[in-house]
Amino acid sequence: MLYNFDMFNHISAMRTFFIFTVLFIILGAIYLIFLLLTHFTKNRPTKNRLALIEAISLDSKKKLVLVKCDEKEYLILLAPSGDILLKSIQKD
């Protein structure tokens, strides 16, 4: 039984072309989804939850800081012996 090897080479070439075409389409779709996700997530404004409102040096080693986190403000004394929360204020 004789086989026509040219026919098998033609089928193999078509199959290879089909595989590379499908692979190219899949990679293109993944890249497009990546671009769309980065575009839509980049434009969202991010809200900072933590902010330093004010800081005052009491002496060379002690500081008094006012920190805002979400809707609360915290007055904190920073010292070498340890940090102390002096007051917590709820802001509306």
N, C-alpha and C. Protein backbone atom coordinates (compact mmCIF):
# COMPACT_ATOMS: atom_id res chain seq x y z
N MET A 1 0.84 -1.18 0.00
CA MET A 1 0.00 0.00 0.00
C MET A 1 0.89 1.23 0.00
N LEU A 2 0.68 2.07 -0.97
CA LEU A 2 1.49 3.27 -1.12
C LEU A 2 0.72 4.48 -0.58
N TYR A 3 1.44 5.33 0.14
CA TYR A 3 0.84 6.54 0.67
C TYR A 3 1.34 7.74 -0.10
N ASN A 4 0.49 8.67 -0.24
CA ASN A 4 0.87 9.92 -0.89
C ASN A 4 1.36 10.87 0.21
N PHE A 5 2.67 10.99 0.32
CA PHE A 5 3.25 11.80 1.40
C PHE A 5 3.00 13.28 1.20
N ASP A 6 2.80 13.70 -0.03
CA ASP A 6 2.50 15.11 -0.27
C ASP A 6 1.17 15.49 0.36
N MET A 7 0.19 14.57 0.32
CA MET A 7 -1.11 14.84 0.93
C MET A 7 -0.97 14.97 2.44
N PHE A 8 -0.15 14.11 3.06
CA PHE A 8 0.06 14.19 4.51
C PHE A 8 0.80 15.47 4.89
N ASN A 9 1.76 15.88 4.09
CA ASN A 9 2.47 17.13 4.37
C ASN A 9 1.52 18.33 4.25
N HIS A 10 0.62 18.27 3.28
CA HIS A 10 -0.35 19.35 3.11
C HIS A 10 -1.30 19.41 4.30
N ILE A 11 -1.79 18.26 4.77
CA ILE A 11 -2.67 18.22 5.95
C ILE A 11 -1.93 18.67 7.19
N SER A 12 -0.68 18.26 7.32
CA SER A 12 0.12 18.67 8.47
C SER A 12 0.36 20.18 8.45
N ALA A 13 0.61 20.74 7.29
CA ALA A 13 0.83 22.18 7.18
C ALA A 13 -0.45 22.94 7.51
N MET A 14 -1.59 22.43 7.05
CA MET A 14 -2.87 23.07 7.35
C MET A 14 -3.17 23.01 8.84
N ARG A 15 -2.89 21.87 9.46
CA ARG A 15 -3.12 21.72 10.90
C ARG A 15 -2.22 22.65 11.68
N THR A 16 -0.97 22.78 11.29
CA THR A 16 -0.03 23.68 11.97
C THR A 16 -0.48 25.13 11.82
N PHE A 17 -0.90 25.50 10.61
CA PHE A 17 -1.40 26.86 10.39
C PHE A 17 -2.63 27.13 11.25
N PHE A 18 -3.54 26.17 11.33
CA PHE A 18 -4.74 26.32 12.14
C PHE A 18 -4.39 26.48 13.62
N ILE A 19 -3.45 25.68 14.12
CA ILE A 19 -3.05 25.76 15.53
C ILE A 19 -2.44 27.12 15.84
N PHE A 20 -1.55 27.62 14.94
CA PHE A 20 -0.94 28.92 15.19
C PHE A 20 -1.96 30.06 15.07
N THR A 21 -2.93 29.92 14.17
CA THR A 21 -3.97 30.94 14.05
C THR A 21 -4.83 31.00 15.31
N VAL A 22 -5.22 29.86 15.83
CA VAL A 22 -6.02 29.82 17.06
C VAL A 22 -5.21 30.35 18.23
N LEU A 23 -3.93 29.99 18.31
CA LEU A 23 -3.07 30.48 19.38
C LEU A 23 -2.93 32.00 19.30
N PHE A 24 -2.76 32.53 18.10
CA PHE A 24 -2.66 33.97 17.92
C PHE A 24 -3.95 34.68 18.35
N ILE A 25 -5.09 34.13 17.99
CA ILE A 25 -6.37 34.73 18.38
C ILE A 25 -6.56 34.70 19.89
N ILE A 26 -6.20 33.59 20.53
CA ILE A 26 -6.34 33.48 22.00
C ILE A 26 -5.42 34.47 22.70
N LEU A 27 -4.16 34.55 22.25
CA LEU A 27 -3.23 35.50 22.87
C LEU A 27 -3.67 36.94 22.64
N GLY A 28 -4.21 37.24 21.47
CA GLY A 28 -4.74 38.57 21.20
C GLY A 28 -5.91 38.91 22.10
N ALA A 29 -6.80 37.94 22.33
CA ALA A 29 -7.94 38.17 23.22
C ALA A 29 -7.48 38.40 24.65
N ILE A 30 -6.50 37.64 25.10
CA ILE A 30 -5.96 37.83 26.46
C ILE A 30 -5.33 39.22 26.60
N TYR A 31 -4.57 39.62 25.58
CA TYR A 31 -3.94 40.95 25.61
C TYR A 31 -5.00 42.06 25.60
N LEU A 32 -6.05 41.90 24.83
CA LEU A 32 -7.13 42.88 24.78
C LEU A 32 -7.84 42.99 26.13
N ILE A 33 -8.11 41.86 26.76
CA ILE A 33 -8.73 41.87 28.09
C ILE A 33 -7.82 42.55 29.10
N PHE A 34 -6.52 42.28 29.02
CA PHE A 34 -5.55 42.92 29.91
C PHE A 34 -5.56 44.44 29.72
N LEU A 35 -5.58 44.90 28.47
CA LEU A 35 -5.60 46.34 28.22
C LEU A 35 -6.88 46.98 28.75
N LEU A 36 -8.01 46.33 28.54
CA LEU A 36 -9.27 46.88 29.03
C LEU A 36 -9.30 46.94 30.56
N LEU A 37 -8.81 45.90 31.21
CA LEU A 37 -8.81 45.91 32.68
C LEU A 37 -7.90 46.98 33.23
N THR A 38 -6.71 47.14 32.66
CA THR A 38 -5.81 48.18 33.16
C THR A 38 -6.36 49.57 32.88
N HIS A 39 -7.05 49.74 31.77
CA HIS A 39 -7.62 51.06 31.46
C HIS A 39 -8.73 51.43 32.44
N PHE A 40 -9.63 50.50 32.73
CA PHE A 40 -10.76 50.81 33.60
C PHE A 40 -10.37 50.86 35.07
N THR A 41 -9.37 50.11 35.51
CA THR A 41 -8.97 50.17 36.91
C THR A 41 -8.04 51.35 37.17
N LYS A 42 -7.37 51.86 36.16
CA LYS A 42 -6.45 52.98 36.36
C LYS A 42 -7.20 54.28 36.58
N ASN A 43 -8.38 54.43 36.03
CA ASN A 43 -9.12 55.69 36.11
C ASN A 43 -9.90 55.85 37.40
N ARG A 44 -9.94 54.83 38.22
CA ARG A 44 -10.67 54.95 39.48
C ARG A 44 -9.84 55.74 40.50
N PRO A 45 -10.43 56.74 41.12
CA PRO A 45 -9.67 57.45 42.15
C PRO A 45 -9.54 56.60 43.41
N THR A 46 -8.36 56.58 43.96
CA THR A 46 -8.15 55.82 45.19
C THR A 46 -8.28 56.77 46.38
N LYS A 47 -8.95 56.32 47.39
CA LYS A 47 -9.15 57.13 48.58
C LYS A 47 -8.12 56.69 49.62
N ASN A 48 -7.33 57.64 50.06
CA ASN A 48 -6.35 57.36 51.12
C ASN A 48 -7.08 57.30 52.45
N ARG A 49 -6.87 56.21 53.15
CA ARG A 49 -7.55 56.05 54.44
C ARG A 49 -6.77 56.70 55.58
N LEU A 50 -5.48 56.88 55.41
CA LEU A 50 -4.63 57.38 56.48
C LEU A 50 -3.98 58.69 56.04
N ALA A 51 -4.04 59.69 56.95
CA ALA A 51 -3.43 60.99 56.64
C ALA A 51 -2.86 61.60 57.91
N LEU A 52 -1.70 62.22 57.76
CA LEU A 52 -1.09 62.97 58.85
C LEU A 52 -1.61 64.39 58.77
N ILE A 53 -2.38 64.80 59.77
CA ILE A 53 -2.99 66.13 59.77
C ILE A 53 -1.99 67.18 60.24
N GLU A 54 -1.35 66.89 61.38
CA GLU A 54 -0.41 67.86 61.95
C GLU A 54 0.57 67.14 62.86
N ALA A 55 1.79 67.68 62.95
CA ALA A 55 2.80 67.14 63.86
C ALA A 55 3.54 68.30 64.52
N ILE A 56 3.69 68.19 65.84
CA ILE A 56 4.36 69.25 66.61
C ILE A 56 5.44 68.60 67.47
N SER A 57 6.64 69.17 67.45
CA SER A 57 7.72 68.69 68.32
C SER A 57 7.59 69.37 69.68
N LEU A 58 7.46 68.57 70.73
CA LEU A 58 7.37 69.12 72.09
C LEU A 58 8.75 69.41 72.65
N ASP A 59 9.68 68.49 72.42
CA ASP A 59 11.08 68.69 72.73
C ASP A 59 11.89 67.84 71.75
N SER A 60 13.16 67.61 72.05
CA SER A 60 14.02 66.91 71.09
C SER A 60 13.62 65.44 70.90
N LYS A 61 12.90 64.87 71.87
CA LYS A 61 12.57 63.45 71.78
C LYS A 61 11.08 63.15 71.72
N LYS A 62 10.24 64.12 71.96
CA LYS A 62 8.79 63.88 72.00
C LYS A 62 8.08 64.65 70.89
N LYS A 63 7.09 63.99 70.30
CA LYS A 63 6.28 64.61 69.25
C LYS A 63 4.81 64.36 69.54
N LEU A 64 4.00 65.33 69.17
CA LEU A 64 2.55 65.20 69.26
C LEU A 64 2.03 65.20 67.83
N VAL A 65 1.32 64.14 67.43
CA VAL A 65 0.83 64.04 66.06
C VAL A 65 -0.68 63.85 66.06
N LEU A 66 -1.30 64.42 65.04
CA LEU A 66 -2.73 64.25 64.81
C LEU A 66 -2.87 63.47 63.51
N VAL A 67 -3.45 62.28 63.61
CA VAL A 67 -3.57 61.37 62.47
C VAL A 67 -5.04 61.12 62.19
N LYS A 68 -5.41 61.10 60.90
CA LYS A 68 -6.79 60.81 60.51
C LYS A 68 -6.82 59.46 59.80
N CYS A 69 -7.71 58.59 60.26
CA CYS A 69 -7.92 57.29 59.64
C CYS A 69 -9.42 57.11 59.45
N ASP A 70 -9.83 56.93 58.20
CA ASP A 70 -11.25 56.87 57.82
C ASP A 70 -11.95 58.13 58.33
N GLU A 71 -12.87 58.02 59.22
CA GLU A 71 -13.60 59.19 59.72
C GLU A 71 -13.23 59.52 61.17
N LYS A 72 -12.10 58.99 61.65
CA LYS A 72 -11.66 59.26 63.03
C LYS A 72 -10.31 59.98 63.01
N GLU A 73 -10.13 60.83 64.01
CA GLU A 73 -8.84 61.48 64.21
C GLU A 73 -8.26 61.01 65.54
N TYR A 74 -6.95 60.80 65.53
CA TYR A 74 -6.26 60.30 66.72
C TYR A 74 -5.14 61.27 67.09
N LEU A 75 -5.12 61.66 68.36
CA LEU A 75 -4.03 62.48 68.89
C LEU A 75 -3.08 61.56 69.63
N ILE A 76 -1.84 61.47 69.14
CA ILE A 76 -0.88 60.49 69.65
C ILE A 76 0.38 61.21 70.10
N LEU A 77 0.88 60.81 71.27
CA LEU A 77 2.15 61.31 71.78
C LEU A 77 3.22 60.26 71.46
N LEU A 78 4.22 60.66 70.67
CA LEU A 78 5.33 59.77 70.32
C LEU A 78 6.52 60.12 71.18
N ALA A 79 7.00 59.13 71.93
CA ALA A 79 8.14 59.34 72.83
C ALA A 79 9.02 58.10 72.79
N PRO A 80 10.29 58.22 73.18
CA PRO A 80 11.18 57.06 73.20
C PRO A 80 10.71 55.97 74.17
N SER A 81 10.02 56.36 75.21
CA SER A 81 9.55 55.37 76.19
C SER A 81 8.33 54.61 75.69
N GLY A 82 7.65 55.12 74.65
CA GLY A 82 6.47 54.46 74.09
C GLY A 82 5.50 55.48 73.53
N ASP A 83 4.60 55.01 72.70
CA ASP A 83 3.59 55.87 72.09
C ASP A 83 2.30 55.77 72.89
N ILE A 84 1.65 56.93 73.07
CA ILE A 84 0.43 56.98 73.88
C ILE A 84 -0.69 57.62 73.06
N LEU A 85 -1.84 56.96 73.02
CA LEU A 85 -3.02 57.53 72.38
C LEU A 85 -3.68 58.44 73.40
N LEU A 86 -3.67 59.74 73.12
CA LEU A 86 -4.22 60.70 74.06
C LEU A 86 -5.72 60.90 73.85
N LYS A 87 -6.15 60.95 72.59
CA LYS A 87 -7.56 61.23 72.32
C LYS A 87 -7.95 60.66 70.97
N SER A 88 -9.19 60.17 70.89
CA SER A 88 -9.77 59.69 69.66
C SER A 88 -11.03 60.49 69.38
N ILE A 89 -11.12 61.11 68.22
CA ILE A 89 -12.23 61.99 67.88
C ILE A 89 -12.96 61.42 66.66
N GLN A 90 -14.28 61.26 66.78
CA GLN A 90 -15.10 60.79 65.65
C GLN A 90 -15.54 62.00 64.84
N LYS A 91 -15.19 61.99 63.55
CA LYS A 91 -15.60 63.08 62.65
C LYS A 91 -16.76 62.61 61.78
N ASP A 92 -17.75 63.47 61.59
CA ASP A 92 -18.91 63.12 60.75
C ASP A 92 -18.80 63.72 59.39
